[in-house]
């Protein structure tokens, strides 16, 4: 179970890193019931893409080294 959990976290982190490389900024939509609300802009910092990719790759490699549990 831990093996698949670590693998999922690693793959998710790698995907976030790739997405942060491809996107400079994201503008979130306003709620339709609040037209006067300001738009929110999300911009990943410069260190985020490579850090997420590196940490995700390390976690994926670690997940392959966790031994499978033996039944009995």
N, C-alpha and C. Protein backbone atom coordinates (compact mmCIF):
# COMPACT_ATOMS: atom_id res chain seq x y z
N UNK A 1 0.82 -1.18 0.00
CA UNK A 1 0.00 0.00 0.00
C UNK A 1 0.87 1.26 0.00
N UNK A 2 1.95 1.26 0.81
CA UNK A 2 2.82 2.43 0.84
C UNK A 2 3.52 2.62 -0.50
N UNK A 3 3.80 1.53 -1.17
CA UNK A 3 4.48 1.62 -2.46
C UNK A 3 3.62 2.40 -3.46
N UNK A 4 2.35 2.05 -3.54
CA UNK A 4 1.48 2.75 -4.49
C UNK A 4 1.22 4.19 -4.05
N UNK A 5 1.18 4.43 -2.74
CA UNK A 5 0.98 5.79 -2.24
C UNK A 5 2.16 6.69 -2.61
N UNK A 6 3.38 6.20 -2.38
CA UNK A 6 4.56 6.98 -2.74
C UNK A 6 4.66 7.17 -4.25
N UNK A 7 4.31 6.15 -5.01
CA UNK A 7 4.33 6.27 -6.47
C UNK A 7 3.34 7.34 -6.93
N UNK A 8 2.15 7.35 -6.35
CA UNK A 8 1.15 8.35 -6.72
C UNK A 8 1.62 9.77 -6.37
N UNK A 9 2.20 9.94 -5.17
CA UNK A 9 2.71 11.26 -4.78
C UNK A 9 3.84 11.72 -5.71
N UNK A 10 4.71 10.80 -6.08
CA UNK A 10 5.82 11.15 -6.96
C UNK A 10 5.36 11.54 -8.34
N UNK A 11 4.44 10.77 -8.90
CA UNK A 11 3.93 11.08 -10.24
C UNK A 11 3.16 12.40 -10.23
N UNK A 12 2.37 12.62 -9.18
CA UNK A 12 1.63 13.87 -9.07
C UNK A 12 2.58 15.07 -8.97
N UNK A 13 3.63 14.92 -8.20
CA UNK A 13 4.62 16.00 -8.08
C UNK A 13 5.31 16.27 -9.41
N UNK A 14 5.65 15.22 -10.14
CA UNK A 14 6.26 15.40 -11.46
C UNK A 14 5.30 16.11 -12.42
N UNK A 15 4.05 15.73 -12.39
CA UNK A 15 3.06 16.38 -13.27
C UNK A 15 2.89 17.86 -12.92
N UNK A 16 2.87 18.17 -11.63
CA UNK A 16 2.80 19.58 -11.24
C UNK A 16 4.02 20.36 -11.70
N UNK A 17 5.19 19.73 -11.64
CA UNK A 17 6.41 20.38 -12.11
C UNK A 17 6.38 20.66 -13.60
N UNK A 18 5.90 19.70 -14.38
CA UNK A 18 5.79 19.90 -15.83
C UNK A 18 4.77 20.99 -16.13
N UNK A 19 3.68 21.00 -15.39
CA UNK A 19 2.67 22.04 -15.60
C UNK A 19 3.22 23.42 -15.24
N UNK A 20 4.01 23.50 -14.17
CA UNK A 20 4.59 24.78 -13.78
C UNK A 20 5.63 25.26 -14.81
N UNK A 21 6.27 24.32 -15.50
CA UNK A 21 7.20 24.70 -16.57
C UNK A 21 6.44 25.30 -17.77
N UNK A 22 5.27 24.75 -18.05
CA UNK A 22 4.53 25.15 -19.25
C UNK A 22 3.70 26.42 -19.05
N UNK A 23 3.32 26.72 -17.81
CA UNK A 23 2.41 27.84 -17.55
C UNK A 23 3.16 28.95 -16.83
N UNK A 24 3.09 30.17 -17.36
CA UNK A 24 3.70 31.32 -16.69
C UNK A 24 2.82 31.84 -15.56
N UNK A 25 1.51 31.89 -15.84
CA UNK A 25 0.57 32.31 -14.82
C UNK A 25 -0.81 31.79 -15.19
N UNK A 26 -1.65 31.63 -14.18
CA UNK A 26 -3.02 31.18 -14.39
C UNK A 26 -3.96 32.23 -13.78
N UNK A 27 -4.98 32.59 -14.52
CA UNK A 27 -5.96 33.55 -14.04
C UNK A 27 -7.24 32.78 -13.73
N UNK A 28 -7.64 32.83 -12.45
CA UNK A 28 -8.83 32.10 -12.02
C UNK A 28 -10.08 32.92 -12.32
N UNK A 29 -11.14 32.23 -12.71
CA UNK A 29 -12.39 32.90 -13.04
C UNK A 29 -13.07 33.45 -11.79
N UNK A 30 -13.81 34.52 -12.00
CA UNK A 30 -14.62 35.09 -10.93
C UNK A 30 -15.89 34.27 -10.75
N UNK A 31 -16.42 34.23 -9.53
CA UNK A 31 -17.74 33.61 -9.36
C UNK A 31 -18.79 34.43 -10.09
N UNK A 32 -19.75 33.75 -10.70
CA UNK A 32 -20.76 34.46 -11.49
C UNK A 32 -21.68 35.32 -10.63
N UNK A 33 -21.83 34.95 -9.36
CA UNK A 33 -22.71 35.74 -8.49
C UNK A 33 -22.00 36.97 -7.90
N UNK A 34 -20.68 37.10 -8.13
CA UNK A 34 -19.92 38.24 -7.63
C UNK A 34 -19.12 38.87 -8.77
N UNK A 35 -19.78 39.64 -9.64
CA UNK A 35 -19.05 40.21 -10.80
C UNK A 35 -18.02 41.26 -10.41
N UNK A 36 -18.12 41.85 -9.23
CA UNK A 36 -17.18 42.89 -8.83
C UNK A 36 -15.94 42.32 -8.15
N UNK A 37 -15.90 41.01 -7.92
CA UNK A 37 -14.75 40.40 -7.25
C UNK A 37 -13.54 40.44 -8.18
N UNK A 38 -12.37 40.71 -7.62
CA UNK A 38 -11.16 40.76 -8.47
C UNK A 38 -10.74 39.36 -8.92
N UNK A 39 -10.11 39.31 -10.10
CA UNK A 39 -9.60 38.03 -10.59
C UNK A 39 -8.34 37.68 -9.82
N UNK A 40 -8.16 36.39 -9.55
CA UNK A 40 -6.97 35.94 -8.86
C UNK A 40 -5.96 35.42 -9.88
N UNK A 41 -4.73 35.85 -9.72
CA UNK A 41 -3.65 35.42 -10.61
C UNK A 41 -2.69 34.55 -9.81
N UNK A 42 -2.46 33.33 -10.30
CA UNK A 42 -1.54 32.40 -9.65
C UNK A 42 -0.33 32.26 -10.56
N UNK A 43 0.84 32.61 -10.04
CA UNK A 43 2.08 32.49 -10.80
C UNK A 43 3.07 31.65 -9.99
N UNK A 44 3.52 30.51 -10.54
CA UNK A 44 4.47 29.70 -9.78
C UNK A 44 5.83 30.39 -9.69
N UNK A 45 6.50 30.28 -8.54
CA UNK A 45 7.83 30.89 -8.42
C UNK A 45 8.84 30.19 -9.32
N UNK A 46 9.97 30.82 -9.54
CA UNK A 46 10.98 30.29 -10.46
C UNK A 46 11.53 28.94 -10.02
N UNK A 47 11.60 28.67 -8.72
CA UNK A 47 12.18 27.43 -8.23
C UNK A 47 11.20 26.26 -8.28
N UNK A 48 9.91 26.50 -8.44
CA UNK A 48 8.90 25.46 -8.31
C UNK A 48 9.00 24.34 -9.37
N UNK A 49 9.14 24.63 -10.67
CA UNK A 49 9.11 23.53 -11.64
C UNK A 49 10.20 22.49 -11.43
N UNK A 50 11.43 22.95 -11.29
CA UNK A 50 12.53 22.00 -11.18
C UNK A 50 12.55 21.31 -9.83
N UNK A 51 12.14 22.00 -8.79
CA UNK A 51 12.08 21.37 -7.48
C UNK A 51 11.02 20.28 -7.44
N UNK A 52 9.86 20.56 -8.01
CA UNK A 52 8.79 19.55 -8.04
C UNK A 52 9.19 18.36 -8.90
N UNK A 53 9.81 18.63 -10.05
CA UNK A 53 10.25 17.52 -10.91
C UNK A 53 11.31 16.67 -10.22
N UNK A 54 12.28 17.31 -9.59
CA UNK A 54 13.35 16.57 -8.92
C UNK A 54 12.84 15.76 -7.74
N UNK A 55 12.05 16.40 -6.89
CA UNK A 55 11.51 15.69 -5.72
C UNK A 55 10.59 14.56 -6.15
N UNK A 56 9.78 14.79 -7.18
CA UNK A 56 8.90 13.73 -7.67
C UNK A 56 9.67 12.56 -8.23
N UNK A 57 10.74 12.83 -8.95
CA UNK A 57 11.55 11.74 -9.51
C UNK A 57 12.22 10.93 -8.40
N UNK A 58 12.69 11.60 -7.36
CA UNK A 58 13.31 10.89 -6.23
C UNK A 58 12.28 10.01 -5.53
N UNK A 59 11.08 10.51 -5.34
CA UNK A 59 10.03 9.74 -4.67
C UNK A 59 9.60 8.55 -5.53
N UNK A 60 9.51 8.74 -6.85
CA UNK A 60 9.15 7.62 -7.73
C UNK A 60 10.23 6.54 -7.67
N UNK A 61 11.49 6.93 -7.73
CA UNK A 61 12.58 5.95 -7.64
C UNK A 61 12.56 5.26 -6.28
N UNK A 62 12.28 6.00 -5.22
CA UNK A 62 12.19 5.41 -3.88
C UNK A 62 11.04 4.41 -3.82
N UNK A 63 9.92 4.72 -4.48
CA UNK A 63 8.78 3.81 -4.42
C UNK A 63 9.09 2.47 -5.07
N UNK A 64 10.00 2.44 -6.04
CA UNK A 64 10.36 1.17 -6.66
C UNK A 64 11.29 0.35 -5.78
N UNK A 65 11.94 0.97 -4.80
CA UNK A 65 12.83 0.22 -3.91
C UNK A 65 12.12 -0.33 -2.69
N UNK A 66 10.88 0.10 -2.43
CA UNK A 66 10.12 -0.44 -1.30
C UNK A 66 9.71 -1.87 -1.67
N UNK A 67 10.06 -2.85 -0.84
CA UNK A 67 9.72 -4.24 -1.20
C UNK A 67 8.22 -4.50 -1.12
N UNK A 68 7.75 -5.40 -1.97
CA UNK A 68 6.34 -5.81 -1.92
C UNK A 68 6.14 -6.68 -0.68
N UNK A 69 4.98 -6.59 -0.09
CA UNK A 69 4.69 -7.42 1.08
C UNK A 69 4.36 -8.82 0.63
N UNK A 70 4.86 -9.78 1.37
CA UNK A 70 4.60 -11.19 1.08
C UNK A 70 3.39 -11.65 1.91
N UNK A 71 2.50 -12.38 1.33
CA UNK A 71 1.35 -12.92 2.07
C UNK A 71 1.76 -14.25 2.67
N UNK A 72 2.00 -14.25 3.96
CA UNK A 72 2.30 -15.49 4.69
C UNK A 72 3.69 -15.83 4.64
